[in-house]
Structure formats: structure tokens, C-alpha cells
């Protein structure tokens, strides 16, 4: 399908919107890790959450950008254009960027439930988005499956950790769940993340 300038402009608008929020979230996460206290310049107890944030951040950001390119900007892969789908995608990705901002402000281990609560909301939004996007014929079954398994694992983590004394254990288990989900997404959907390898 030919891509006209109006579509490109609108796609760039939505990409700019969620990119700005994501950039702010990454900045906040790094600021939350680096303390202004000269005695404790780095908050090492926040490393597991910071790593989990980054492990989720980059594939989501890359996936959002790559999806917009493949779906709206590449004439060879773009399906028939419907403005409602572009608005839907733009709003959903902006909401997901907002989840990353909440995560960036929740790196302290004592509020790990808020951090992983934001991850759950992020994944729930992604599941709804992927389910609707499947109706367009865009192959996102793997993302949908990985998200569903990650949600189940995080809910089990919150269930088993209820009422237990504070510790670093939930932060490390949550990191492992996010890492495995990201690794599976990259491996199983590498044709979306890295289409040049699939040619």
C-alpha cells in the first residue's frame, strides 16, 4: 500500500508521544538508582528492580517502534490503513509508556508489589492490544502467549509472598520472570524485532 505524508506525520506524532514518556521513565529509573547522598551514591538494593525495568523497557520500546514501522510506514508490509487502528495503537502504546513511568518510581524493594503491579497492568494492556490486533491478521500469538504466562507467574509470586516479612527474594524472583519472558519474546518473535535476519 502507498504511504502518504499525512499517515507518516500522524504515525510520527504518536511515536513521539510514547517515546517522550518512555524517555522520562528511563531517566526517572536511573535517578532513583543514583542517590544525591554522598555517603550512599548508588542504591544497590534497587538493582534487581532497575535491571527488571531495563529488561522489559528495551524490548517494549523496540517492539513498539518496529510494529509502527512494519504496520504503517513500510509499503511492503503495511496492511490496509484504517485511522481507528492507528489511534488505538497510539493510545495503547502511550498507556504502556505510562506503566513504565510508574515502574521507574517504584524501584525500592519495600514497594516491589507496586512495581510488579505496574508490570501486570502493562502486560494486561499488551494482552488486550495483541488480542485485538490479531483480528487484523497481524501475527502476535507468541507475544500473547508469553504475556499470559508472565502474568500467571507474577500473580503466583504475589500470592506466595503475601504476609511474609520483607526481603529481597520477591525482587529477584520477579526479575527472573521478566528476564525469561523477554528472552522468549526476542527468540520466538525475532522476525518482528530483527526482520533483516529473517530475509
C-alpha atoms as a PDB file:
ATOM      1  CA  UNK A   1       0.000   0.000   0.000  1.00  0.00           C
ATOM      2  CA  UNK A   2       1.327   3.502  -0.776  1.00  0.00           C
ATOM      3  CA  UNK A   3       2.139   5.516   2.334  1.00  0.00           C
ATOM      4  CA  UNK A   4       1.151   9.174   2.100  1.00  0.00           C
ATOM      5  CA  UNK A   5       2.612  12.068   4.037  1.00  0.00           C
ATOM      6  CA  UNK A   6      -0.427  12.529   6.294  1.00  0.00           C
ATOM      7  CA  UNK A   7      -0.139   8.971   7.589  1.00  0.00           C
ATOM      8  CA  UNK A   8       3.599   9.371   8.198  1.00  0.00           C
ATOM      9  CA  UNK A   9       3.016  12.617  10.077  1.00  0.00           C
ATOM     10  CA  UNK A  10       0.357  11.077  12.331  1.00  0.00           C
ATOM     11  CA  UNK A  11       2.474   7.976  12.979  1.00  0.00           C
ATOM     12  CA  UNK A  12       5.394  10.228  13.933  1.00  0.00           C
ATOM     13  CA  UNK A  13       3.130  12.144  16.319  1.00  0.00           C
ATOM     14  CA  UNK A  14       2.109   9.007  18.222  1.00  0.00           C
ATOM     15  CA  UNK A  15       5.662   7.660  18.203  1.00  0.00           C
ATOM     16  CA  UNK A  16       6.909  10.943  19.629  1.00  0.00           C
ATOM     17  CA  UNK A  17       4.258  10.870  22.360  1.00  0.00           C
ATOM     18  CA  UNK A  18       5.120   7.454  23.748  1.00  0.00           C
ATOM     19  CA  UNK A  19       8.851   7.956  23.157  1.00  0.00           C
ATOM     20  CA  UNK A  20       8.875  11.095  25.322  1.00  0.00           C
ATOM     21  CA  UNK A  21       7.115   9.284  28.168  1.00  0.00           C
ATOM     22  CA  UNK A  22       9.448   6.309  27.872  1.00  0.00           C
ATOM     23  CA  UNK A  23      12.477   8.608  27.907  1.00  0.00           C
ATOM     24  CA  UNK A  24      11.170  10.275  31.070  1.00  0.00           C
ATOM     25  CA  UNK A  25      10.598   6.863  32.646  1.00  0.00           C
ATOM     26  CA  UNK A  26      14.155   5.723  31.889  1.00  0.00           C
ATOM     27  CA  UNK A  27      15.514   8.981  33.284  1.00  0.00           C
ATOM     28  CA  UNK A  28      13.469   8.578  36.477  1.00  0.00           C
ATOM     29  CA  UNK A  29      14.631   4.984  36.916  1.00  0.00           C
ATOM     30  CA  UNK A  30      18.284   5.995  36.667  1.00  0.00           C
ATOM     31  CA  UNK A  31      17.728   8.952  39.024  1.00  0.00           C
ATOM     32  CA  UNK A  32      16.030   6.641  41.507  1.00  0.00           C
ATOM     33  CA  UNK A  33      19.080   4.373  41.466  1.00  0.00           C
ATOM     34  CA  UNK A  34      21.618   7.191  41.874  1.00  0.00           C
ATOM     35  CA  UNK A  35      21.203   8.925  45.241  1.00  0.00           C
ATOM     36  CA  UNK A  36      22.194  12.510  45.986  1.00  0.00           C
ATOM     37  CA  UNK A  37      23.549  11.357  49.347  1.00  0.00           C
ATOM     38  CA  UNK A  38      27.384  11.403  49.025  1.00  0.00           C
ATOM     39  CA  UNK A  39      27.643   8.619  51.623  1.00  0.00           C
ATOM     40  CA  UNK A  40      25.461   6.274  49.563  1.00  0.00           C
ATOM     41  CA  UNK A  41      25.724   7.462  45.977  1.00  0.00           C
ATOM     42  CA  UNK A  42      24.190   4.317  44.487  1.00  0.00           C
ATOM     43  CA  UNK A  43      21.209   2.465  45.921  1.00  0.00           C
ATOM     44  CA  UNK A  44      22.346  -1.091  45.348  1.00  0.00           C
ATOM     45  CA  UNK A  45      19.192  -2.602  46.836  1.00  0.00           C
ATOM     46  CA  UNK A  46      17.330  -1.248  43.796  1.00  0.00           C
ATOM     47  CA  UNK A  47      19.485  -3.101  41.265  1.00  0.00           C
ATOM     48  CA  UNK A  48      17.065  -6.062  40.773  1.00  0.00           C
ATOM     49  CA  UNK A  49      14.143  -3.743  40.018  1.00  0.00           C
ATOM     50  CA  UNK A  50      16.281  -1.499  37.816  1.00  0.00           C
ATOM     51  CA  UNK A  51      17.509  -4.483  35.808  1.00  0.00           C
ATOM     52  CA  UNK A  52      13.939  -5.808  35.520  1.00  0.00           C
ATOM     53  CA  UNK A  53      12.853  -2.354  34.349  1.00  0.00           C
ATOM     54  CA  UNK A  54      15.548  -2.267  31.659  1.00  0.00           C
ATOM     55  CA  UNK A  55      14.959  -5.867  30.598  1.00  0.00           C
ATOM     56  CA  UNK A  56      11.290  -5.028  29.971  1.00  0.00           C
ATOM     57  CA  UNK A  57      11.876  -1.476  28.719  1.00  0.00           C
ATOM     58  CA  UNK A  58      14.053  -2.086  25.687  1.00  0.00           C
ATOM     59  CA  UNK A  59      12.047  -4.895  24.037  1.00  0.00           C
ATOM     60  CA  UNK A  60       8.798  -2.990  24.570  1.00  0.00           C
ATOM     61  CA  UNK A  61      10.281   0.179  23.104  1.00  0.00           C
ATOM     62  CA  UNK A  62      11.846  -1.697  20.215  1.00  0.00           C
ATOM     63  CA  UNK A  63       8.653  -3.686  19.635  1.00  0.00           C
ATOM     64  CA  UNK A  64       6.503  -0.552  19.605  1.00  0.00           C
ATOM     65  CA  UNK A  65       8.786   1.209  17.129  1.00  0.00           C
ATOM     66  CA  UNK A  66       9.195  -1.847  14.910  1.00  0.00           C
ATOM     67  CA  UNK A  67       5.441  -2.512  14.925  1.00  0.00           C
ATOM     68  CA  UNK A  68       4.689   1.065  13.846  1.00  0.00           C
ATOM     69  CA  UNK A  69       7.226   0.790  11.031  1.00  0.00           C
ATOM     70  CA  UNK A  70       6.020  -2.593   9.753  1.00  0.00           C
ATOM     71  CA  UNK A  71       2.318  -1.752  10.104  1.00  0.00           C
ATOM     72  CA  UNK A  72       2.186   1.859   8.950  1.00  0.00           C
ATOM     73  CA  UNK A  73       5.426   3.004   7.289  1.00  0.00           C
ATOM     74  CA  UNK A  74       6.766   0.095   5.233  1.00  0.00           C
ATOM     75  CA  UNK A  75       4.783  -0.205   1.957  1.00  0.00           C
ATOM     76  CA  UNK A  76       5.849  -3.834   1.584  1.00  0.00           C
ATOM     77  CA  UNK A  77       4.340  -4.972   4.889  1.00  0.00           C
ATOM     78  CA  UNK A  78       1.667  -2.408   5.802  1.00  0.00           C
ATOM     79  CA  UNK A  79      -1.919  -3.744   5.714  1.00  0.00           C
ATOM     80  CA  UNK A  80      -4.819  -1.601   4.523  1.00  0.00           C
ATOM     81  CA  UNK A  81      -4.809   1.625   6.526  1.00  0.00           C
ATOM     82  CA  UNK A  82      -7.621   2.400   8.972  1.00  0.00           C
ATOM     83  CA  UNK A  83      -7.260   5.579  11.069  1.00  0.00           C
ATOM     84  CA  UNK A  84      -9.045   3.970  14.044  1.00  0.00           C
ATOM     85  CA  UNK A  85      -6.354   1.296  14.319  1.00  0.00           C
ATOM     86  CA  UNK A  86      -3.589   3.898  14.320  1.00  0.00           C
ATOM     87  CA  UNK A  87      -5.330   5.886  17.060  1.00  0.00           C
ATOM     88  CA  UNK A  88      -5.903   2.686  19.040  1.00  0.00           C
ATOM     89  CA  UNK A  89      -2.260   1.630  18.722  1.00  0.00           C
ATOM     90  CA  UNK A  90      -1.025   5.106  19.636  1.00  0.00           C
ATOM     91  CA  UNK A  91      -3.222   5.350  22.738  1.00  0.00           C
ATOM     92  CA  UNK A  92      -2.329   1.827  23.900  1.00  0.00           C
ATOM     93  CA  UNK A  93       1.407   2.405  23.497  1.00  0.00           C
ATOM     94  CA  UNK A  94       1.131   5.698  25.376  1.00  0.00           C
ATOM     95  CA  UNK A  95      -0.672   3.931  28.240  1.00  0.00           C
ATOM     96  CA  UNK A  96       2.059   1.294  28.302  1.00  0.00           C
ATOM     97  CA  UNK A  97       4.687   4.022  28.434  1.00  0.00           C
ATOM     98  CA  UNK A  98       2.811   5.384  31.463  1.00  0.00           C
ATOM     99  CA  UNK A  99       3.172   1.979  33.152  1.00  0.00           C
ATOM    100  CA  UNK A 100       6.928   2.236  32.683  1.00  0.00           C
ATOM    101  CA  UNK A 101       6.874   5.628  34.368  1.00  0.00           C
ATOM    102  CA  UNK A 102       5.090   4.114  37.396  1.00  0.00           C
ATOM    103  CA  UNK A 103       7.671   1.313  37.440  1.00  0.00           C
ATOM    104  CA  UNK A 104      10.502   3.851  37.331  1.00  0.00           C
ATOM    105  CA  UNK A 105       9.161   5.420  40.543  1.00  0.00           C
ATOM    106  CA  UNK A 106       8.808   2.047  42.300  1.00  0.00           C
ATOM    107  CA  UNK A 107      12.314   0.566  42.360  1.00  0.00           C
ATOM    108  CA  UNK A 108      12.655   0.427  46.151  1.00  0.00           C
ATOM    109  CA  UNK A 109      12.480  -3.223  47.297  1.00  0.00           C
ATOM    110  CA  UNK A 110       9.902  -2.484  50.001  1.00  0.00           C
ATOM    111  CA  UNK A 111       7.385  -1.427  47.325  1.00  0.00           C
ATOM    112  CA  UNK A 112       8.034  -4.334  44.969  1.00  0.00           C
ATOM    113  CA  UNK A 113       4.289  -5.015  44.825  1.00  0.00           C
ATOM    114  CA  UNK A 114       3.687  -1.608  43.250  1.00  0.00           C
ATOM    115  CA  UNK A 115       6.484  -2.231  40.746  1.00  0.00           C
ATOM    116  CA  UNK A 116       5.175  -5.632  39.690  1.00  0.00           C
ATOM    117  CA  UNK A 117       1.594  -4.378  39.886  1.00  0.00           C
ATOM    118  CA  UNK A 118       2.574  -1.882  37.183  1.00  0.00           C
ATOM    119  CA  UNK A 119       4.183  -4.742  35.222  1.00  0.00           C
ATOM    120  CA  UNK A 120       0.917  -6.687  35.491  1.00  0.00           C
ATOM    121  CA  UNK A 121      -1.071  -3.707  34.193  1.00  0.00           C
ATOM    122  CA  UNK A 122       1.465  -3.306  31.374  1.00  0.00           C
ATOM    123  CA  UNK A 123       1.095  -6.961  30.380  1.00  0.00           C
ATOM    124  CA  UNK A 124      -2.707  -6.878  30.710  1.00  0.00           C
ATOM    125  CA  UNK A 125      -2.863  -3.902  28.336  1.00  0.00           C
ATOM    126  CA  UNK A 126      -0.499  -5.724  25.988  1.00  0.00           C
ATOM    127  CA  UNK A 127      -2.690  -8.848  26.037  1.00  0.00           C
ATOM    128  CA  UNK A 128      -5.808  -6.824  25.179  1.00  0.00           C
ATOM    129  CA  UNK A 129      -3.921  -4.980  22.425  1.00  0.00           C
ATOM    130  CA  UNK A 130      -2.471  -8.187  20.948  1.00  0.00           C
ATOM    131  CA  UNK A 131      -5.875  -9.880  21.005  1.00  0.00           C
ATOM    132  CA  UNK A 132      -7.479  -7.026  19.066  1.00  0.00           C
ATOM    133  CA  UNK A 133      -4.508  -6.720  16.715  1.00  0.00           C
ATOM    134  CA  UNK A 134      -4.808 -10.415  15.835  1.00  0.00           C
ATOM    135  CA  UNK A 135      -8.136  -9.542  14.213  1.00  0.00           C
ATOM    136  CA  UNK A 136      -6.166  -7.521  11.662  1.00  0.00           C
ATOM    137  CA  UNK A 137      -4.278 -10.632  10.641  1.00  0.00           C
ATOM    138  CA  UNK A 138      -1.033  -9.490  12.258  1.00  0.00           C
ATOM    139  CA  UNK A 139       0.744 -12.468  13.811  1.00  0.00           C
ATOM    140  CA  UNK A 140       1.196 -11.775  17.508  1.00  0.00           C
ATOM    141  CA  UNK A 141       0.299 -15.171  19.002  1.00  0.00           C
ATOM    142  CA  UNK A 142       3.704 -15.531  20.641  1.00  0.00           C
ATOM    143  CA  UNK A 143       3.556 -12.164  22.401  1.00  0.00           C
ATOM    144  CA  UNK A 144       0.074 -13.037  23.618  1.00  0.00           C
ATOM    145  CA  UNK A 145       1.190 -16.409  24.988  1.00  0.00           C
ATOM    146  CA  UNK A 146       4.366 -15.079  26.647  1.00  0.00           C
ATOM    147  CA  UNK A 147       2.416 -12.234  28.251  1.00  0.00           C
ATOM    148  CA  UNK A 148      -0.214 -14.636  29.606  1.00  0.00           C
ATOM    149  CA  UNK A 149       2.408 -16.951  31.135  1.00  0.00           C
ATOM    150  CA  UNK A 150       4.269 -13.969  32.652  1.00  0.00           C
ATOM    151  CA  UNK A 151       1.041 -12.640  34.193  1.00  0.00           C
ATOM    152  CA  UNK A 152       0.308 -16.046  35.729  1.00  0.00           C
ATOM    153  CA  UNK A 153       3.853 -16.289  37.145  1.00  0.00           C
ATOM    154  CA  UNK A 154       3.721 -12.779  38.647  1.00  0.00           C
ATOM    155  CA  UNK A 155       0.313 -13.430  40.206  1.00  0.00           C
ATOM    156  CA  UNK A 156       1.692 -16.610  41.770  1.00  0.00           C
ATOM    157  CA  UNK A 157       4.656 -14.627  43.109  1.00  0.00           C
ATOM    158  CA  UNK A 158       2.338 -12.090  44.749  1.00  0.00           C
ATOM    159  CA  UNK A 159       0.178 -14.889  46.153  1.00  0.00           C
ATOM    160  CA  UNK A 160       3.035 -16.851  47.714  1.00  0.00           C
ATOM    161  CA  UNK A 161       4.731 -13.730  49.107  1.00  0.00           C
ATOM    162  CA  UNK A 162       1.611 -12.402  50.836  1.00  0.00           C
ATOM    163  CA  UNK A 163       2.076 -11.854  54.554  1.00  0.00           C
ATOM    164  CA  UNK A 164       5.773 -12.721  54.509  1.00  0.00           C
ATOM    165  CA  UNK A 165       8.377 -10.440  56.127  1.00  0.00           C
ATOM    166  CA  UNK A 166      10.094  -8.000  53.738  1.00  0.00           C
ATOM    167  CA  UNK A 167      13.077  -9.415  51.864  1.00  0.00           C
ATOM    168  CA  UNK A 168      14.881  -9.164  48.539  1.00  0.00           C
ATOM    169  CA  UNK A 169      13.503 -12.534  47.414  1.00  0.00           C
ATOM    170  CA  UNK A 170      10.453 -11.167  45.516  1.00  0.00           C
ATOM    171  CA  UNK A 171      12.646  -8.680  43.652  1.00  0.00           C
ATOM    172  CA  UNK A 172      14.956 -11.446  42.391  1.00  0.00           C
ATOM    173  CA  UNK A 173      12.114 -13.829  41.507  1.00  0.00           C
ATOM    174  CA  UNK A 174      10.287 -11.033  39.675  1.00  0.00           C
ATOM    175  CA  UNK A 175      13.469 -10.201  37.778  1.00  0.00           C
ATOM    176  CA  UNK A 176      13.805 -13.841  36.725  1.00  0.00           C
ATOM    177  CA  UNK A 177      10.209 -13.898  35.456  1.00  0.00           C
ATOM    178  CA  UNK A 178      10.677 -10.715  33.439  1.00  0.00           C
ATOM    179  CA  UNK A 179      14.008 -11.928  32.062  1.00  0.00           C
ATOM    180  CA  UNK A 180      12.598 -15.267  30.887  1.00  0.00           C
ATOM    181  CA  UNK A 181       9.585 -13.543  29.296  1.00  0.00           C
ATOM    182  CA  UNK A 182      11.820 -11.099  27.453  1.00  0.00           C
ATOM    183  CA  UNK A 183      14.207 -13.834  26.274  1.00  0.00           C
ATOM    184  CA  UNK A 184      11.291 -15.875  24.917  1.00  0.00           C
ATOM    185  CA  UNK A 185       9.810 -12.837  23.184  1.00  0.00           C
ATOM    186  CA  UNK A 186      13.091 -11.981  21.499  1.00  0.00           C
ATOM    187  CA  UNK A 187      13.736 -15.549  20.431  1.00  0.00           C
ATOM    188  CA  UNK A 188      10.244 -16.500  19.269  1.00  0.00           C
ATOM    189  CA  UNK A 189       9.359 -13.145  17.671  1.00  0.00           C
ATOM    190  CA  UNK A 190      12.788 -12.354  16.244  1.00  0.00           C
ATOM    191  CA  UNK A 191      11.172 -11.874  12.831  1.00  0.00           C
ATOM    192  CA  UNK A 192       9.448  -8.764  14.241  1.00  0.00           C
ATOM    193  CA  UNK A 193      12.330  -7.461  16.340  1.00  0.00           C
ATOM    194  CA  UNK A 194      15.005  -8.195  13.733  1.00  0.00           C
ATOM    195  CA  UNK A 195      13.307  -8.673  10.344  1.00  0.00           C
ATOM    196  CA  UNK A 196      16.604  -8.250   8.485  1.00  0.00           C
ATOM    197  CA  UNK A 197      17.776 -11.577   9.973  1.00  0.00           C
ATOM    198  CA  UNK A 198      14.707 -13.346   8.569  1.00  0.00           C
ATOM    199  CA  UNK A 199      15.286 -12.401   4.948  1.00  0.00           C
END
